[in-house]
Amino acid sequence: MSWRSDPDPTKTLDVVLSYDPAVDRDAMGEAAFAEHFGCEVGTDGRLHPKGCGTRDPSLLRFRDGSVAVRWRLRPLTDRHMRWIEQQQTAEARWVWSARLALVEIENHLGAPGQAWRPTEPDATETPRGGEPVPRVVGDDDARYLAGAYGLAALYEVGAVAYARALLGPFARGRHALPATSLHVLMT
């Protein structure tokens, strides 16, 4: 299975959570980990968000015999962003960004080859020439994902999609790690 990691914000992007148990932080080294996820080790020994990470898959290293869960994101549209910007908190913006950008999850729940896809049609899209309307994460799907992966996963995935939409082509491949990331909070 190949990575979809084109830094072009008009293409899909595969994201691995900073705290995915398959990620081998020791093998990556602190510098590569910080560059990929956009964080730094503070004087307290904990990770702290710092700027934006590249999300460059060439920096990732995985534990032997482990498979990372890959969250595939599509670019957010202007219609999506108008809705997202109406949300009152950063967390709400991140959750809605994840809900509207998520195309599929590969290796769902850590099972190699298992995929999960959203089921609700995107109400902001209209069918074009026989193309299927993209699917988005509806309320039931969002509750399922929050239960399966935790709300922090939706925050991190959504923060990547949101930053990508805001920064556009001028900040190719730069995505912020939210301060609410479980990896930041637990290290």
Protein backbone atom coordinates (compact mmCIF):
# COMPACT_ATOMS: atom_id res chain seq x y z
CA MET A 1 0.00 0.00 0.00
CA SER A 2 1.53 3.29 -1.04
CA TRP A 3 1.44 6.59 0.79
CA ARG A 4 -0.51 9.50 -0.57
CA SER A 5 1.72 12.27 0.58
CA ASP A 6 1.87 14.80 -2.21
CA PRO A 7 2.53 18.15 -0.50
CA ASP A 8 0.14 19.76 -3.01
CA PRO A 9 -2.89 20.83 -0.93
CA THR A 10 -5.22 19.97 -3.83
CA LYS A 11 -4.38 16.26 -3.47
CA THR A 12 -5.27 13.68 -0.83
CA LEU A 13 -2.94 13.26 2.13
CA ASP A 14 -2.36 10.25 4.40
CA VAL A 15 -1.99 11.09 8.09
CA VAL A 16 -0.71 8.92 10.94
CA LEU A 17 -1.53 10.05 14.46
CA SER A 18 1.41 11.24 16.54
CA TYR A 19 0.55 8.67 19.21
CA ASP A 20 -0.16 5.70 16.92
CA PRO A 21 1.41 2.70 18.70
CA ALA A 22 3.01 1.57 15.43
CA VAL A 23 5.16 4.72 15.25
CA ASP A 24 8.68 4.00 16.51
CA ARG A 25 9.70 7.33 17.99
CA ASP A 26 13.11 6.01 19.07
CA ALA A 27 13.92 4.82 15.55
CA MET A 28 12.77 8.15 14.12
CA GLY A 29 14.82 10.20 16.55
CA GLU A 30 13.61 13.36 18.25
CA ALA A 31 14.54 15.66 15.34
CA ALA A 32 12.64 13.67 12.70
CA PHE A 33 9.70 13.16 15.05
CA ALA A 34 9.54 16.90 15.76
CA GLU A 35 9.87 17.79 12.07
CA HIS A 36 7.16 15.35 11.03
CA PHE A 37 4.61 16.19 13.74
CA GLY A 38 5.51 19.84 14.49
CA CYS A 39 6.58 19.67 18.11
CA GLU A 40 9.61 20.06 20.34
CA VAL A 41 10.84 18.53 23.57
CA GLY A 42 10.53 21.10 26.32
CA THR A 43 12.75 21.54 29.35
CA ASP A 44 10.18 19.44 31.24
CA GLY A 45 10.88 16.50 28.89
CA ARG A 46 7.38 16.67 27.41
CA LEU A 47 6.43 17.38 23.82
CA HIS A 48 4.99 20.79 23.02
CA PRO A 49 3.48 21.99 19.73
CA LYS A 50 5.87 24.18 17.79
CA GLY A 51 4.88 25.57 14.46
CA CYS A 52 3.81 23.11 11.83
CA GLY A 53 5.03 19.63 11.03
CA THR A 54 5.81 18.51 7.52
CA ARG A 55 3.88 15.20 7.77
CA ASP A 56 6.60 13.88 5.43
CA PRO A 57 6.13 10.08 5.39
CA SER A 58 9.82 9.49 4.65
CA LEU A 59 10.53 10.55 8.24
CA LEU A 60 8.23 7.94 9.78
CA ARG A 61 9.57 4.70 11.24
CA PHE A 62 7.37 1.89 12.48
CA ARG A 63 7.80 -0.87 15.02
CA ASP A 64 8.53 -4.30 13.56
CA GLY A 65 5.33 -6.24 12.95
CA SER A 66 3.15 -3.17 13.51
CA VAL A 67 0.92 -1.43 11.05
CA ALA A 68 -0.06 2.22 11.37
CA VAL A 69 -3.61 3.43 10.94
CA ARG A 70 -3.67 5.81 7.97
CA TRP A 71 -6.27 8.55 7.81
CA ARG A 72 -6.73 9.67 4.17
CA LEU A 73 -7.85 13.28 3.84
CA ARG A 74 -9.18 15.15 0.85
CA PRO A 75 -8.77 18.93 0.56
CA LEU A 76 -11.47 21.00 2.21
CA THR A 77 -13.51 23.11 -0.21
CA ASP A 78 -14.42 26.77 0.16
CA ARG A 79 -17.96 25.68 1.10
CA HIS A 80 -16.55 23.43 3.80
CA MET A 81 -14.38 26.25 5.16
CA ARG A 82 -17.32 28.66 5.33
CA TRP A 83 -19.14 26.15 7.55
CA ILE A 84 -16.05 25.35 9.63
CA GLU A 85 -15.25 29.01 10.25
CA GLN A 86 -18.69 29.47 11.83
CA GLN A 87 -17.76 27.09 14.65
CA GLN A 88 -17.06 28.80 17.98
CA THR A 89 -14.02 26.82 19.22
CA ALA A 90 -10.83 25.43 17.73
CA GLU A 91 -11.88 21.93 18.78
CA ALA A 92 -15.20 22.25 16.93
CA ARG A 93 -13.36 23.49 13.84
CA TRP A 94 -10.98 20.52 14.01
CA VAL A 95 -13.79 17.98 14.43
CA TRP A 96 -15.74 19.45 11.51
CA SER A 97 -12.56 19.57 9.42
CA ALA A 98 -11.98 15.87 10.10
CA ARG A 99 -15.63 15.05 9.36
CA LEU A 100 -15.56 16.85 6.00
CA ALA A 101 -12.04 15.88 4.86
CA LEU A 102 -11.87 12.19 5.82
CA VAL A 103 -12.05 9.90 2.79
CA GLU A 104 -11.08 6.62 4.43
CA ILE A 105 -9.12 5.00 7.20
CA GLU A 106 -6.69 2.29 6.10
CA ASN A 107 -5.71 -0.47 8.55
CA HIS A 108 -8.82 0.40 10.55
CA LEU A 109 -8.37 -0.38 14.25
CA GLY A 110 -4.87 -1.65 13.45
CA ALA A 111 -6.10 -4.50 11.22
CA PRO A 112 -3.92 -4.71 8.08
CA GLY A 113 -5.95 -4.30 4.92
CA GLN A 114 -9.13 -3.33 6.78
CA ALA A 115 -10.67 -0.05 5.56
CA TRP A 116 -13.40 2.23 6.87
CA ARG A 117 -15.18 4.87 4.79
CA PRO A 118 -17.73 7.57 5.67
CA THR A 119 -21.31 6.83 4.67
CA GLU A 120 -23.16 10.15 4.50
CA PRO A 121 -23.33 12.05 1.17
CA ASP A 122 -21.69 15.51 1.26
CA ALA A 123 -24.62 17.94 1.14
CA THR A 124 -22.33 20.72 -0.14
CA GLU A 125 -21.56 18.79 -3.33
CA THR A 126 -23.73 18.25 -6.39
CA PRO A 127 -23.40 15.25 -8.72
CA ARG A 128 -21.37 16.00 -11.85
CA GLY A 129 -21.63 13.88 -14.98
CA GLY A 130 -22.27 10.58 -13.27
CA GLU A 131 -19.54 11.03 -10.62
CA PRO A 132 -20.57 9.86 -7.16
CA VAL A 133 -21.09 12.54 -4.53
CA PRO A 134 -18.22 12.42 -1.99
CA ARG A 135 -19.08 10.96 1.41
CA VAL A 136 -18.52 12.72 4.73
CA VAL A 137 -18.52 11.64 8.36
CA GLY A 138 -22.08 12.01 9.62
CA ASP A 139 -23.17 12.21 13.25
CA ASP A 140 -23.33 8.43 13.71
CA ASP A 141 -19.94 7.96 12.05
CA ALA A 142 -18.41 10.73 14.20
CA ARG A 143 -19.69 9.08 17.40
CA TYR A 144 -18.33 5.73 16.18
CA LEU A 145 -14.88 7.17 15.38
CA ALA A 146 -14.70 9.09 18.67
CA GLY A 147 -15.51 5.84 20.48
CA ALA A 148 -13.05 3.75 18.46
CA TYR A 149 -10.11 6.18 18.38
CA GLY A 150 -10.96 8.92 20.89
CA LEU A 151 -11.91 12.52 20.32
CA ALA A 152 -8.22 13.48 20.34
CA ALA A 153 -7.78 11.54 17.09
CA LEU A 154 -10.45 13.64 15.41
CA TYR A 155 -8.77 16.78 16.79
CA GLU A 156 -5.37 15.83 15.37
CA VAL A 157 -6.66 14.69 11.97
CA GLY A 158 -8.93 17.71 11.75
CA ALA A 159 -6.13 20.11 12.72
CA VAL A 160 -4.07 18.77 9.81
CA ALA A 161 -6.96 19.19 7.35
CA TYR A 162 -7.78 22.66 8.71
CA ALA A 163 -4.18 23.91 8.62
CA ARG A 164 -3.78 22.56 5.11
CA ALA A 165 -6.88 24.45 3.95
CA LEU A 166 -5.85 27.70 5.65
CA LEU A 167 -2.23 27.64 4.57
CA GLY A 168 -2.93 26.63 0.99
CA PRO A 169 -0.22 26.12 -1.61
CA PHE A 170 2.16 28.63 -0.03
CA ALA A 171 2.95 26.39 2.92
CA ARG A 172 3.23 23.10 1.09
CA GLY A 173 3.40 20.18 3.47
CA ARG A 174 3.13 22.05 6.79
CA HIS A 175 0.56 20.90 9.35
CA ALA A 176 0.19 21.83 13.00
CA LEU A 177 -0.02 19.32 15.84
CA PRO A 178 -2.77 20.57 18.15
CA ALA A 179 -1.97 21.15 21.80
CA THR A 180 -4.76 18.68 22.59
CA SER A 181 -2.95 15.83 20.84
CA LEU A 182 -2.75 12.83 23.11
CA HIS A 183 0.91 12.50 22.22
CA VAL A 184 1.58 16.01 23.45
CA LEU A 185 -0.55 15.55 26.56
CA MET A 186 0.89 12.15 27.55
CA THR A 187 4.61 12.75 27.02
